[in-house]
Protein backbone atom coordinates (compact mmCIF):
# COMPACT_ATOMS: atom_id res chain seq x y z
CA UNK A 1 0.00 0.00 0.00
CA UNK A 2 1.41 3.38 -0.96
CA UNK A 3 1.47 5.76 1.99
CA UNK A 4 2.65 9.33 2.15
CA UNK A 5 4.92 10.40 5.03
CA UNK A 6 2.11 12.24 6.87
CA UNK A 7 -0.15 9.18 6.62
CA UNK A 8 2.59 6.99 8.05
CA UNK A 9 3.07 9.36 10.98
CA UNK A 10 -0.68 9.32 11.70
CA UNK A 11 -0.72 5.52 11.63
CA UNK A 12 2.25 5.42 14.02
CA UNK A 13 0.22 7.61 16.36
CA UNK A 14 -2.81 5.34 16.46
CA UNK A 15 -1.15 1.94 16.83
CA UNK A 16 -2.00 0.20 20.10
CA UNK A 17 0.54 0.50 22.92
CA UNK A 18 -0.50 -2.77 24.58
CA UNK A 19 -1.52 -6.20 23.42
CA UNK A 20 -0.47 -9.83 23.33
CA UNK A 21 3.14 -10.79 22.72
CA UNK A 22 2.35 -11.61 19.09
CA UNK A 23 0.54 -8.31 18.61
CA UNK A 24 3.44 -6.36 20.09
CA UNK A 25 5.88 -8.12 17.72
CA UNK A 26 3.71 -7.17 14.74
CA UNK A 27 3.41 -3.59 15.94
CA UNK A 28 7.19 -3.31 16.36
CA UNK A 29 7.72 -4.56 12.79
CA UNK A 30 5.04 -2.20 11.46
CA UNK A 31 6.61 0.75 13.33
CA UNK A 32 9.97 -0.05 11.72
CA UNK A 33 8.39 -0.28 8.26
CA UNK A 34 6.51 3.01 8.66
CA UNK A 35 9.43 5.01 10.07
CA UNK A 36 11.60 6.99 7.65
CA UNK A 37 15.08 5.72 6.85
CA UNK A 38 18.19 7.91 6.60
CA UNK A 39 17.82 8.47 2.86
CA UNK A 40 14.23 9.62 3.26
CA UNK A 41 15.12 11.90 6.18
CA UNK A 42 17.76 13.63 4.07
CA UNK A 43 15.73 13.74 0.84
CA UNK A 44 12.63 15.24 2.47
CA UNK A 45 14.58 17.33 5.01
CA UNK A 46 12.66 15.76 7.92
CA UNK A 47 13.27 17.62 11.18
CA UNK A 48 11.88 17.39 14.70
CA UNK A 49 11.71 20.40 16.99
CA UNK A 50 13.16 19.13 20.30
CA UNK A 51 11.03 21.47 22.37
CA UNK A 52 7.64 20.93 20.72
CA UNK A 53 8.35 17.49 19.19
CA UNK A 54 6.71 18.81 16.02
CA UNK A 55 7.98 17.11 12.85
CA UNK A 56 8.42 19.09 9.64
CA UNK A 57 9.40 18.00 6.12
CA UNK A 58 9.31 19.09 2.50
CA UNK A 59 6.06 17.56 1.14
CA UNK A 60 7.09 18.33 -2.46
CA UNK A 61 9.76 15.64 -2.09
CA UNK A 62 7.39 13.00 -0.69
CA UNK A 63 6.80 10.36 -3.36
CA UNK A 64 5.11 8.05 -0.90
CA UNK A 65 6.39 4.67 0.17
CA UNK A 66 4.97 1.32 -0.81
CA UNK A 67 4.60 -0.63 2.44
CA UNK A 68 3.47 -4.20 2.76
CA UNK A 69 0.87 -4.38 5.53
CA UNK A 70 -0.23 -7.86 6.51
CA UNK A 71 -3.79 -8.83 7.28
CA UNK A 72 -3.42 -8.72 11.07
CA UNK A 73 -1.63 -5.35 11.04
CA UNK A 74 -4.23 -4.01 8.60
CA UNK A 75 -7.00 -5.04 11.00
CA UNK A 76 -5.20 -3.40 13.96
CA UNK A 77 -5.04 -0.11 12.06
CA UNK A 78 -8.64 -0.52 10.96
CA UNK A 79 -9.81 -1.20 14.52
CA UNK A 80 -7.94 1.85 15.84
CA UNK A 81 -9.60 4.06 13.23
CA UNK A 82 -13.05 2.62 13.93
CA UNK A 83 -12.54 3.18 17.68
CA UNK A 84 -11.60 6.82 17.03
CA UNK A 85 -14.62 7.19 14.78
CA UNK A 86 -16.94 5.72 17.40
CA UNK A 87 -15.53 8.12 20.01
CA UNK A 88 -15.84 10.99 17.50
CA UNK A 89 -12.11 11.69 17.88
CA UNK A 90 -11.13 11.58 14.22
CA UNK A 91 -9.39 14.67 12.87
CA UNK A 92 -8.66 15.87 9.36
CA UNK A 93 -5.26 14.16 9.72
CA UNK A 94 -7.04 10.80 9.77
CA UNK A 95 -9.12 11.40 6.64
CA UNK A 96 -6.87 9.91 3.96
CA UNK A 97 -5.92 6.83 5.99
CA UNK A 98 -9.57 6.33 6.96
CA UNK A 99 -10.41 6.24 3.28
CA UNK A 100 -7.63 3.70 2.63
CA UNK A 101 -8.41 1.38 5.53
CA UNK A 102 -12.17 1.73 6.03
CA UNK A 103 -13.94 3.06 2.93
PDB file of N, CA and C in Angstrom:
ATOM      1  N   UNK A   1       0.851  -1.165   0.000  1.00  0.00           N
ATOM      2  CA  UNK A   1       0.000   0.000   0.000  1.00  0.00           C
ATOM      3  C   UNK A   1       0.899   1.230   0.000  1.00  0.00           C
ATOM      4  N   UNK A   2       0.618   2.157  -0.893  1.00  0.00           N
ATOM      5  CA  UNK A   2       1.412   3.378  -0.963  1.00  0.00           C
ATOM      6  C   UNK A   2       0.902   4.382   0.070  1.00  0.00           C
ATOM      7  N   UNK A   3       1.816   4.819   0.928  1.00  0.00           N
ATOM      8  CA  UNK A   3       1.473   5.759   1.993  1.00  0.00           C
ATOM      9  C   UNK A   3       2.427   6.945   1.954  1.00  0.00           C
ATOM     10  N   UNK A   4       1.866   8.121   2.077  1.00  0.00           N
ATOM     11  CA  UNK A   4       2.655   9.331   2.155  1.00  0.00           C
ATOM     12  C   UNK A   4       3.231   9.441   3.572  1.00  0.00           C
ATOM     13  N   UNK A   5       4.255  10.265   3.735  1.00  0.00           N
ATOM     14  CA  UNK A   5       4.916  10.401   5.034  1.00  0.00           C
ATOM     15  C   UNK A   5       3.920  10.808   6.130  1.00  0.00           C
ATOM     16  N   UNK A   6       3.078  11.788   5.859  1.00  0.00           N
ATOM     17  CA  UNK A   6       2.108  12.244   6.870  1.00  0.00           C
ATOM     18  C   UNK A   6       1.165  11.115   7.270  1.00  0.00           C
ATOM     19  N   UNK A   7       0.737  10.302   6.311  1.00  0.00           N
ATOM     20  CA  UNK A   7      -0.151   9.176   6.617  1.00  0.00           C
ATOM     21  C   UNK A   7       0.564   8.169   7.517  1.00  0.00           C
ATOM     22  N   UNK A   8       1.824   7.929   7.234  1.00  0.00           N
ATOM     23  CA  UNK A   8       2.594   6.988   8.049  1.00  0.00           C
ATOM     24  C   UNK A   8       2.739   7.490   9.476  1.00  0.00           C
ATOM     25  N   UNK A   9       2.941   8.796   9.637  1.00  0.00           N
ATOM     26  CA  UNK A   9       3.067   9.360  10.983  1.00  0.00           C
ATOM     27  C   UNK A   9       1.744   9.255  11.742  1.00  0.00           C
ATOM     28  N   UNK A  10       0.638   9.450  11.053  1.00  0.00           N
ATOM     29  CA  UNK A  10      -0.677   9.324  11.698  1.00  0.00           C
ATOM     30  C   UNK A  10      -0.897   7.878  12.135  1.00  0.00           C
ATOM     31  N   UNK A  11      -0.555   6.927  11.270  1.00  0.00           N
ATOM     32  CA  UNK A  11      -0.716   5.515  11.625  1.00  0.00           C
ATOM     33  C   UNK A  11       0.147   5.183  12.843  1.00  0.00           C
ATOM     34  N   UNK A  12       1.390   5.664  12.859  1.00  0.00           N
ATOM     35  CA  UNK A  12       2.252   5.420  14.019  1.00  0.00           C
ATOM     36  C   UNK A  12       1.599   5.931  15.304  1.00  0.00           C
ATOM     37  N   UNK A  13       0.867   7.022  15.194  1.00  0.00           N
ATOM     38  CA  UNK A  13       0.224   7.611  16.365  1.00  0.00           C
ATOM     39  C   UNK A  13      -1.012   6.886  16.859  1.00  0.00           C
ATOM     40  N   UNK A  14      -1.587   6.026  16.025  1.00  0.00           N
ATOM     41  CA  UNK A  14      -2.814   5.342  16.456  1.00  0.00           C
ATOM     42  C   UNK A  14      -2.607   3.851  16.746  1.00  0.00           C
ATOM     43  N   UNK A  15      -1.394   3.359  16.539  1.00  0.00           N
ATOM     44  CA  UNK A  15      -1.149   1.943  16.827  1.00  0.00           C
ATOM     45  C   UNK A  15      -1.290   1.683  18.319  1.00  0.00           C
ATOM     46  N   UNK A  16      -1.823   0.520  18.681  1.00  0.00           N
ATOM     47  CA  UNK A  16      -1.999   0.204  20.102  1.00  0.00           C
ATOM     48  C   UNK A  16      -0.659   0.140  20.834  1.00  0.00           C
ATOM     49  N   UNK A  17      -0.660   0.540  22.075  1.00  0.00           N
ATOM     50  CA  UNK A  17       0.539   0.505  22.917  1.00  0.00           C
ATOM     51  C   UNK A  17       0.641  -0.813  23.683  1.00  0.00           C
ATOM     52  N   UNK A  18      -0.481  -1.510  23.827  1.00  0.00           N
ATOM     53  CA  UNK A  18      -0.504  -2.766  24.577  1.00  0.00           C
ATOM     54  C   UNK A  18      -1.163  -3.845  23.734  1.00  0.00           C
ATOM     55  N   UNK A  19      -0.915  -5.082  24.116  1.00  0.00           N
ATOM     56  CA  UNK A  19      -1.523  -6.204  23.418  1.00  0.00           C
ATOM     57  C   UNK A  19      -0.825  -7.488  23.804  1.00  0.00           C
ATOM     58  N   UNK A  20      -1.127  -8.550  23.089  1.00  0.00           N
ATOM     59  CA  UNK A  20      -0.474  -9.830  23.327  1.00  0.00           C
ATOM     60  C   UNK A  20       0.966  -9.763  22.824  1.00  0.00           C
ATOM     61  N   UNK A  21       1.762 -10.753  23.175  1.00  0.00           N
ATOM     62  CA  UNK A  21       3.145 -10.794  22.724  1.00  0.00           C
ATOM     63  C   UNK A  21       3.214 -10.772  21.205  1.00  0.00           C
ATOM     64  N   UNK A  22       2.365 -11.556  20.548  1.00  0.00           N
ATOM     65  CA  UNK A  22       2.349 -11.613  19.090  1.00  0.00           C
ATOM     66  C   UNK A  22       1.963 -10.254  18.495  1.00  0.00           C
ATOM     67  N   UNK A  23       0.977  -9.619  19.082  1.00  0.00           N
ATOM     68  CA  UNK A  23       0.538  -8.307  18.611  1.00  0.00           C
ATOM     69  C   UNK A  23       1.662  -7.286  18.743  1.00  0.00           C
ATOM     70  N   UNK A  24       2.350  -7.304  19.870  1.00  0.00           N
ATOM     71  CA  UNK A  24       3.444  -6.363  20.087  1.00  0.00           C
ATOM     72  C   UNK A  24       4.574  -6.576  19.084  1.00  0.00           C
ATOM     73  N   UNK A  25       4.844  -7.826  18.726  1.00  0.00           N
ATOM     74  CA  UNK A  25       5.876  -8.121  17.722  1.00  0.00           C
ATOM     75  C   UNK A  25       5.464  -7.547  16.370  1.00  0.00           C
ATOM     76  N   UNK A  26       4.198  -7.711  16.006  1.00  0.00           N
ATOM     77  CA  UNK A  26       3.705  -7.170  14.737  1.00  0.00           C
ATOM     78  C   UNK A  26       3.741  -5.648  14.728  1.00  0.00           C
ATOM     79  N   UNK A  27       3.391  -5.050  15.840  1.00  0.00           N
ATOM     80  CA  UNK A  27       3.406  -3.588  15.943  1.00  0.00           C
ATOM     81  C   UNK A  27       4.832  -3.066  15.815  1.00  0.00           C
ATOM     82  N   UNK A  28       5.788  -3.747  16.462  1.00  0.00           N
ATOM     83  CA  UNK A  28       7.189  -3.314  16.358  1.00  0.00           C
ATOM     84  C   UNK A  28       7.663  -3.355  14.909  1.00  0.00           C
ATOM     85  N   UNK A  29       7.336  -4.433  14.205  1.00  0.00           N
ATOM     86  CA  UNK A  29       7.717  -4.559  12.790  1.00  0.00           C
ATOM     87  C   UNK A  29       7.048  -3.477  11.955  1.00  0.00           C
ATOM     88  N   UNK A  30       5.781  -3.223  12.199  1.00  0.00           N
ATOM     89  CA  UNK A  30       5.045  -2.198  11.462  1.00  0.00           C
ATOM     90  C   UNK A  30       5.638  -0.815  11.743  1.00  0.00           C
ATOM     91  N   UNK A  31       5.985  -0.534  12.987  1.00  0.00           N
ATOM     92  CA  UNK A  31       6.613   0.751  13.327  1.00  0.00           C
ATOM     93  C   UNK A  31       7.919   0.936  12.551  1.00  0.00           C
ATOM     94  N   UNK A  32       8.710  -0.119  12.470  1.00  0.00           N
ATOM     95  CA  UNK A  32       9.972  -0.053  11.722  1.00  0.00           C
ATOM     96  C   UNK A  32       9.717   0.208  10.239  1.00  0.00           C
ATOM     97  N   UNK A  33       8.706  -0.441   9.681  1.00  0.00           N
ATOM     98  CA  UNK A  33       8.390  -0.281   8.257  1.00  0.00           C
ATOM     99  C   UNK A  33       7.865   1.120   7.947  1.00  0.00           C
ATOM    100  N   UNK A  34       7.113   1.708   8.879  1.00  0.00           N
ATOM    101  CA  UNK A  34       6.508   3.014   8.656  1.00  0.00           C
ATOM    102  C   UNK A  34       7.484   4.170   8.898  1.00  0.00           C
ATOM    103  N   UNK A  35       8.477   3.943   9.727  1.00  0.00           N
ATOM    104  CA  UNK A  35       9.428   5.009  10.073  1.00  0.00           C
ATOM    105  C   UNK A  35      10.319   5.345   8.875  1.00  0.00           C
ATOM    106  N   UNK A  36      10.712   6.613   8.760  1.00  0.00           N
ATOM    107  CA  UNK A  36      11.597   6.994   7.655  1.00  0.00           C
ATOM    108  C   UNK A  36      13.007   6.445   7.865  1.00  0.00           C
ATOM    109  N   UNK A  37      13.681   6.117   6.757  1.00  0.00           N
ATOM    110  CA  UNK A  37      15.081   5.718   6.853  1.00  0.00           C
ATOM    111  C   UNK A  37      15.961   6.945   6.627  1.00  0.00           C
ATOM    112  N   UNK A  38      17.272   6.775   6.721  1.00  0.00           N
ATOM    113  CA  UNK A  38      18.192   7.911   6.603  1.00  0.00           C
ATOM    114  C   UNK A  38      18.061   8.629   5.267  1.00  0.00           C
ATOM    115  N   UNK A  39      17.926   7.867   4.191  1.00  0.00           N
ATOM    116  CA  UNK A  39      17.817   8.472   2.857  1.00  0.00           C
ATOM    117  C   UNK A  39      16.577   9.348   2.761  1.00  0.00           C
ATOM    118  N   UNK A  40      15.485   8.868   3.299  1.00  0.00           N
ATOM    119  CA  UNK A  40      14.231   9.620   3.259  1.00  0.00           C
ATOM    120  C   UNK A  40      14.318  10.872   4.142  1.00  0.00           C
ATOM    121  N   UNK A  41      14.954  10.755   5.286  1.00  0.00           N
ATOM    122  CA  UNK A  41      15.121  11.899   6.180  1.00  0.00           C
ATOM    123  C   UNK A  41      15.895  13.007   5.476  1.00  0.00           C
ATOM    124  N   UNK A  42      16.959  12.633   4.795  1.00  0.00           N
ATOM    125  CA  UNK A  42      17.761  13.625   4.074  1.00  0.00           C
ATOM    126  C   UNK A  42      17.011  14.187   2.866  1.00  0.00           C
ATOM    127  N   UNK A  43      16.405  13.313   2.073  1.00  0.00           N
ATOM    128  CA  UNK A  43      15.731  13.741   0.843  1.00  0.00           C
ATOM    129  C   UNK A  43      14.579  14.698   1.127  1.00  0.00           C
ATOM    130  N   UNK A  44      13.801  14.413   2.163  1.00  0.00           N
ATOM    131  CA  UNK A  44      12.632  15.245   2.468  1.00  0.00           C
ATOM    132  C   UNK A  44      12.919  16.294   3.539  1.00  0.00           C
ATOM    133  N   UNK A  45      14.180  16.361   3.989  1.00  0.00           N
ATOM    134  CA  UNK A  45      14.575  17.331   5.007  1.00  0.00           C
ATOM    135  C   UNK A  45      13.668  17.230   6.249  1.00  0.00           C
ATOM    136  N   UNK A  46      13.504  16.016   6.751  1.00  0.00           N
ATOM    137  CA  UNK A  46      12.657  15.759   7.921  1.00  0.00           C
ATOM    138  C   UNK A  46      13.392  16.242   9.166  1.00  0.00           C
ATOM    139  N   UNK A  47      12.700  17.055   9.951  1.00  0.00           N
ATOM    140  CA  UNK A  47      13.275  17.619  11.175  1.00  0.00           C
ATOM    141  C   UNK A  47      12.251  17.539  12.299  1.00  0.00           C
ATOM    142  N   UNK A  48      12.754  17.384  13.527  1.00  0.00           N
ATOM    143  CA  UNK A  48      11.885  17.393  14.704  1.00  0.00           C
ATOM    144  C   UNK A  48      12.351  18.495  15.638  1.00  0.00           C
ATOM    145  N   UNK A  49      11.418  19.356  16.032  1.00  0.00           N
ATOM    146  CA  UNK A  49      11.714  20.401  16.988  1.00  0.00           C
ATOM    147  C   UNK A  49      11.821  19.735  18.364  1.00  0.00           C
ATOM    148  N   UNK A  50      12.988  19.819  19.019  1.00  0.00           N
ATOM    149  CA  UNK A  50      13.160  19.128  20.301  1.00  0.00           C
ATOM    150  C   UNK A  50      12.262  19.654  21.416  1.00  0.00           C
ATOM    151  N   UNK A  51      11.866  20.902  21.318  1.00  0.00           N
ATOM    152  CA  UNK A  51      11.026  21.475  22.371  1.00  0.00           C
ATOM    153  C   UNK A  51       9.556  21.096  22.198  1.00  0.00           C
ATOM    154  N   UNK A  52       9.056  21.187  20.962  1.00  0.00           N
ATOM    155  CA  UNK A  52       7.636  20.925  20.721  1.00  0.00           C
ATOM    156  C   UNK A  52       7.373  19.512  20.211  1.00  0.00           C
ATOM    157  N   UNK A  53       8.435  18.832  19.785  1.00  0.00           N
ATOM    158  CA  UNK A  53       8.354  17.487  19.189  1.00  0.00           C
ATOM    159  C   UNK A  53       7.580  17.510  17.876  1.00  0.00           C
ATOM    160  N   UNK A  54       7.393  18.680  17.308  1.00  0.00           N
ATOM    161  CA  UNK A  54       6.713  18.813  16.017  1.00  0.00           C
ATOM    162  C   UNK A  54       7.678  18.405  14.900  1.00  0.00           C
ATOM    163  N   UNK A  55       7.175  17.590  13.974  1.00  0.00           N
ATOM    164  CA  UNK A  55       7.975  17.106  12.850  1.00  0.00           C
ATOM    165  C   UNK A  55       7.610  17.918  11.608  1.00  0.00           C
ATOM    166  N   UNK A  56       8.629  18.364  10.886  1.00  0.00           N
ATOM    167  CA  UNK A  56       8.418  19.089   9.637  1.00  0.00           C
ATOM    168  C   UNK A  56       9.199  18.391   8.533  1.00  0.00           C
ATOM    169  N   UNK A  57       8.748  18.586   7.283  1.00  0.00           N
ATOM    170  CA  UNK A  57       9.404  18.001   6.120  1.00  0.00           C
ATOM    171  C   UNK A  57       8.975  18.768   4.884  1.00  0.00           C
ATOM    172  N   UNK A  58       9.634  18.462   3.775  1.00  0.00           N
ATOM    173  CA  UNK A  58       9.310  19.085   2.498  1.00  0.00           C
ATOM    174  C   UNK A  58       8.344  18.162   1.751  1.00  0.00           C
ATOM    175  N   UNK A  59       7.034  18.452   1.778  1.00  0.00           N
ATOM    176  CA  UNK A  59       6.059  17.559   1.143  1.00  0.00           C
ATOM    177  C   UNK A  59       6.235  17.436  -0.374  1.00  0.00           C
ATOM    178  N   UNK A  60       6.882  18.418  -1.003  1.00  0.00           N
ATOM    179  CA  UNK A  60       7.086  18.327  -2.457  1.00  0.00           C
ATOM    180  C   UNK A  60       8.063  17.211  -2.822  1.00  0.00           C
ATOM    181  N   UNK A  61       8.801  16.710  -1.842  1.00  0.00           N
ATOM    182  CA  UNK A  61       9.760  15.637  -2.092  1.00  0.00           C
ATOM    183  C   UNK A  61       9.261  14.288  -1.576  1.00  0.00           C
ATOM    184  N   UNK A  62       7.996  14.235  -1.201  1.00  0.00           N
ATOM    185  CA  UNK A  62       7.388  12.999  -0.690  1.00  0.00           C
ATOM    186  C   UNK A  62       6.714  12.252  -1.836  1.00  0.00           C
ATOM    187  N   UNK A  63       7.360  11.196  -2.283  1.00  0.00           N
ATOM    188  CA  UNK A  63       6.803  10.363  -3.360  1.00  0.00           C
ATOM    189  C   UNK A  63       5.950   9.234  -2.812  1.00  0.00           C
ATOM    190  N   UNK A  64       5.827   9.154  -1.507  1.00  0.00           N
ATOM    191  CA  UNK A  64       5.111   8.051  -0.898  1.00  0.00           C
ATOM    192  C   UNK A  64       6.014   6.836  -0.814  1.00  0.00           C
ATOM    193  N   UNK A  65       5.619   5.892  -0.023  1.00  0.00           N
ATOM    194  CA  UNK A  65       6.391   4.675   0.166  1.00  0.00           C
ATOM    195  C   UNK A  65       5.434   3.498   0.108  1.00  0.00           C
ATOM    196  N   UNK A  66       5.801   2.517  -0.687  1.00  0.00           N
ATOM    197  CA  UNK A  66       4.973   1.318  -0.806  1.00  0.00           C
ATOM    198  C   UNK A  66       5.320   0.389   0.352  1.00  0.00           C
ATOM    199  N   UNK A  67       4.373   0.177   1.242  1.00  0.00           N
ATOM    200  CA  UNK A  67       4.605  -0.627   2.441  1.00  0.00           C
ATOM    201  C   UNK A  67       3.674  -1.837   2.427  1.00  0.00           C
ATOM    202  N   UNK A  68       4.271  -2.981   2.678  1.00  0.00           N
ATOM    203  CA  UNK A  68       3.469  -4.202   2.764  1.00  0.00           C
ATOM    204  C   UNK A  68       2.887  -4.296   4.170  1.00  0.00           C
ATOM    205  N   UNK A  69       1.565  -4.293   4.245  1.00  0.00           N
ATOM    206  CA  UNK A  69       0.873  -4.381   5.528  1.00  0.00           C
ATOM    207  C   UNK A  69       0.069  -5.676   5.523  1.00  0.00           C
ATOM    208  N   UNK A  70       0.444  -6.569   6.412  1.00  0.00           N
ATOM    209  CA  UNK A  70      -0.232  -7.864   6.505  1.00  0.00           C
ATOM    210  C   UNK A  70      -1.662  -7.728   7.007  1.00  0.00           C
ATOM    211  N   UNK A  71      -2.371  -8.815   6.919  1.00  0.00           N
ATOM    212  CA  UNK A  71      -3.795  -8.825   7.277  1.00  0.00           C
ATOM    213  C   UNK A  71      -4.031  -8.460   8.742  1.00  0.00           C
ATOM    214  N   UNK A  72      -3.218  -8.999   9.650  1.00  0.00           N
ATOM    215  CA  UNK A  72      -3.416  -8.720  11.074  1.00  0.00           C
ATOM    216  C   UNK A  72      -3.095  -7.259  11.378  1.00  0.00           C
ATOM    217  N   UNK A  73      -1.990  -6.762  10.829  1.00  0.00           N
ATOM    218  CA  UNK A  73      -1.627  -5.355  11.039  1.00  0.00           C
ATOM    219  C   UNK A  73      -2.677  -4.442  10.432  1.00  0.00           C
ATOM    220  N   UNK A  74      -3.177  -4.793   9.249  1.00  0.00           N
ATOM    221  CA  UNK A  74      -4.229  -4.011   8.598  1.00  0.00           C
ATOM    222  C   UNK A  74      -5.443  -3.906   9.511  1.00  0.00           C
ATOM    223  N   UNK A  75      -5.836  -5.027  10.112  1.00  0.00           N
ATOM    224  CA  UNK A  75      -6.999  -5.041  11.001  1.00  0.00           C
ATOM    225  C   UNK A  75      -6.756  -4.246  12.283  1.00  0.00           C
ATOM    226  N   UNK A  76      -5.503  -4.222  12.780  1.00  0.00           N
ATOM    227  CA  UNK A  76      -5.195  -3.402  13.961  1.00  0.00           C
ATOM    228  C   UNK A  76      -5.385  -1.919  13.641  1.00  0.00           C
ATOM    229  N   UNK A  77      -4.886  -1.508  12.481  1.00  0.00           N
ATOM    230  CA  UNK A  77      -5.038  -0.109  12.064  1.00  0.00           C
ATOM    231  C   UNK A  77      -6.514   0.207  11.865  1.00  0.00           C
ATOM    232  N   UNK A  78      -7.205  -0.690  11.213  1.00  0.00           N
ATOM    233  CA  UNK A  78      -8.640  -0.515  10.958  1.00  0.00           C
ATOM    234  C   UNK A  78      -9.415  -0.375  12.272  1.00  0.00           C
ATOM    235  N   UNK A  79      -9.120  -1.235  13.233  1.00  0.00           N
ATOM    236  CA  UNK A  79      -9.811  -1.196  14.525  1.00  0.00           C
ATOM    237  C   UNK A  79      -9.528   0.132  15.244  1.00  0.00           C
ATOM    238  N   UNK A  80      -8.276   0.578  15.204  1.00  0.00           N
ATOM    239  CA  UNK A  80      -7.937   1.852  15.845  1.00  0.00           C
ATOM    240  C   UNK A  80      -8.728   2.999  15.232  1.00  0.00           C
ATOM    241  N   UNK A  81      -8.842   3.004  13.910  1.00  0.00           N
ATOM    242  CA  UNK A  81      -9.602   4.056  13.228  1.00  0.00           C
ATOM    243  C   UNK A  81     -11.092   3.982  13.568  1.00  0.00           C
ATOM    244  N   UNK A  82     -11.630   2.776  13.596  1.00  0.00           N
ATOM    245  CA  UNK A  82     -13.049   2.617  13.931  1.00  0.00           C
ATOM    246  C   UNK A  82     -13.330   3.049  15.376  1.00  0.00           C
ATOM    247  N   UNK A  83     -12.389   2.746  16.277  1.00  0.00           N
ATOM    248  CA  UNK A  83     -12.538   3.180  17.677  1.00  0.00           C
ATOM    249  C   UNK A  83     -12.541   4.708  17.766  1.00  0.00           C
ATOM    250  N   UNK A  84     -11.627   5.354  17.046  1.00  0.00           N
ATOM    251  CA  UNK A  84     -11.597   6.824  17.031  1.00  0.00           C
ATOM    252  C   UNK A  84     -12.880   7.392  16.446  1.00  0.00           C
ATOM    253  N   UNK A  85     -13.382   6.745  15.409  1.00  0.00           N
ATOM    254  CA  UNK A  85     -14.620   7.195  14.777  1.00  0.00           C
ATOM    255  C   UNK A  85     -15.792   7.074  15.758  1.00  0.00           C
ATOM    256  N   UNK A  86     -15.859   5.953  16.439  1.00  0.00           N
ATOM    257  CA  UNK A  86     -16.941   5.720  17.400  1.00  0.00           C
ATOM    258  C   UNK A  86     -16.905   6.754  18.529  1.00  0.00           C
ATOM    259  N   UNK A  87     -15.694   7.132  18.945  1.00  0.00           N
ATOM    260  CA  UNK A  87     -15.529   8.121  20.012  1.00  0.00           C
ATOM    261  C   UNK A  87     -15.606   9.557  19.486  1.00  0.00           C
ATOM    262  N   UNK A  88     -15.807   9.694  18.173  1.00  0.00           N
ATOM    263  CA  UNK A  88     -15.840  10.995  17.501  1.00  0.00           C
ATOM    264  C   UNK A  88     -14.555  11.779  17.760  1.00  0.00           C
ATOM    265  N   UNK A  89     -13.405  11.074  17.657  1.00  0.00           N
ATOM    266  CA  UNK A  89     -12.107  11.693  17.884  1.00  0.00           C
ATOM    267  C   UNK A  89     -11.254  11.720  16.625  1.00  0.00           C
ATOM    268  N   UNK A  90     -11.869  11.473  15.478  1.00  0.00           N
ATOM    269  CA  UNK A  90     -11.132  11.582  14.220  1.00  0.00           C
ATOM    270  C   UNK A  90     -10.858  13.050  13.925  1.00  0.00           C
ATOM    271  N   UNK A  91      -9.709  13.317  13.298  1.00  0.00           N
ATOM    272  CA  UNK A  91      -9.386  14.666  12.871  1.00  0.00           C
ATOM    273  C   UNK A  91      -9.149  14.641  11.358  1.00  0.00           C
ATOM    274  N   UNK A  92      -8.930  15.804  10.800  1.00  0.00           N
ATOM    275  CA  UNK A  92      -8.662  15.865   9.361  1.00  0.00           C
ATOM    276  C   UNK A  92      -7.385  15.118   9.017  1.00  0.00           C
ATOM    277  N   UNK A  93      -6.481  14.944   9.964  1.00  0.00           N
ATOM    278  CA  UNK A  93      -5.259  14.163   9.715  1.00  0.00           C
ATOM    279  C   UNK A  93      -5.557  12.694   9.452  1.00  0.00           C
ATOM    280  N   UNK A  94      -6.676  12.208   9.935  1.00  0.00           N
ATOM    281  CA  UNK A  94      -7.044  10.801   9.765  1.00  0.00           C
ATOM    282  C   UNK A  94      -7.770  10.528   8.451  1.00  0.00           C
ATOM    283  N   UNK A  95      -8.224  11.568   7.780  1.00  0.00           N
ATOM    284  CA  UNK A  95      -9.125  11.399   6.638  1.00  0.00           C
ATOM    285  C   UNK A  95      -8.584  10.480   5.550  1.00  0.00           C
ATOM    286  N   UNK A  96      -7.368  10.714   5.084  1.00  0.00           N
ATOM    287  CA  UNK A  96      -6.873   9.911   3.962  1.00  0.00           C
ATOM    288  C   UNK A  96      -6.609   8.466   4.365  1.00  0.00           C
ATOM    289  N   UNK A  97      -6.130   8.233   5.600  1.00  0.00           N
ATOM    290  CA  UNK A  97      -5.920   6.831   5.989  1.00  0.00           C
ATOM    291  C   UNK A  97      -7.259   6.149   6.280  1.00  0.00           C
ATOM    292  N   UNK A  98      -8.235   6.895   6.761  1.00  0.00           N
ATOM    293  CA  UNK A  98      -9.568   6.330   6.965  1.00  0.00           C
ATOM    294  C   UNK A  98     -10.119   5.828   5.632  1.00  0.00           C
ATOM    295  N   UNK A  99      -9.934   6.637   4.593  1.00  0.00           N
ATOM    296  CA  UNK A  99     -10.409   6.237   3.277  1.00  0.00           C
ATOM    297  C   UNK A  99      -9.677   5.004   2.757  1.00  0.00           C
ATOM    298  N   UNK A 100      -8.416   4.863   3.084  1.00  0.00           N
ATOM    299  CA  UNK A 100      -7.630   3.700   2.627  1.00  0.00           C
ATOM    300  C   UNK A 100      -7.931   2.427   3.414  1.00  0.00           C
ATOM    301  N   UNK A 101      -8.230   2.566   4.693  1.00  0.00           N
ATOM    302  CA  UNK A 101      -8.410   1.377   5.534  1.00  0.00           C
ATOM    303  C   UNK A 101      -9.866   1.043   5.817  1.00  0.00           C
ATOM    304  N   UNK A 102     -10.773   1.981   5.679  1.00  0.00           N
ATOM    305  CA  UNK A 102     -12.171   1.727   6.028  1.00  0.00           C
ATOM    306  C   UNK A 102     -13.088   1.782   4.807  1.00  0.00           C
ATOM    307  N   UNK A 103     -13.002   2.860   4.042  1.00  0.00           N
ATOM    308  CA  UNK A 103     -13.942   3.064   2.932  1.00  0.00           C
ATOM    309  C   UNK A 103     -13.623   2.126   1.789  1.00  0.00           C
TER     310      UNK A 103
END
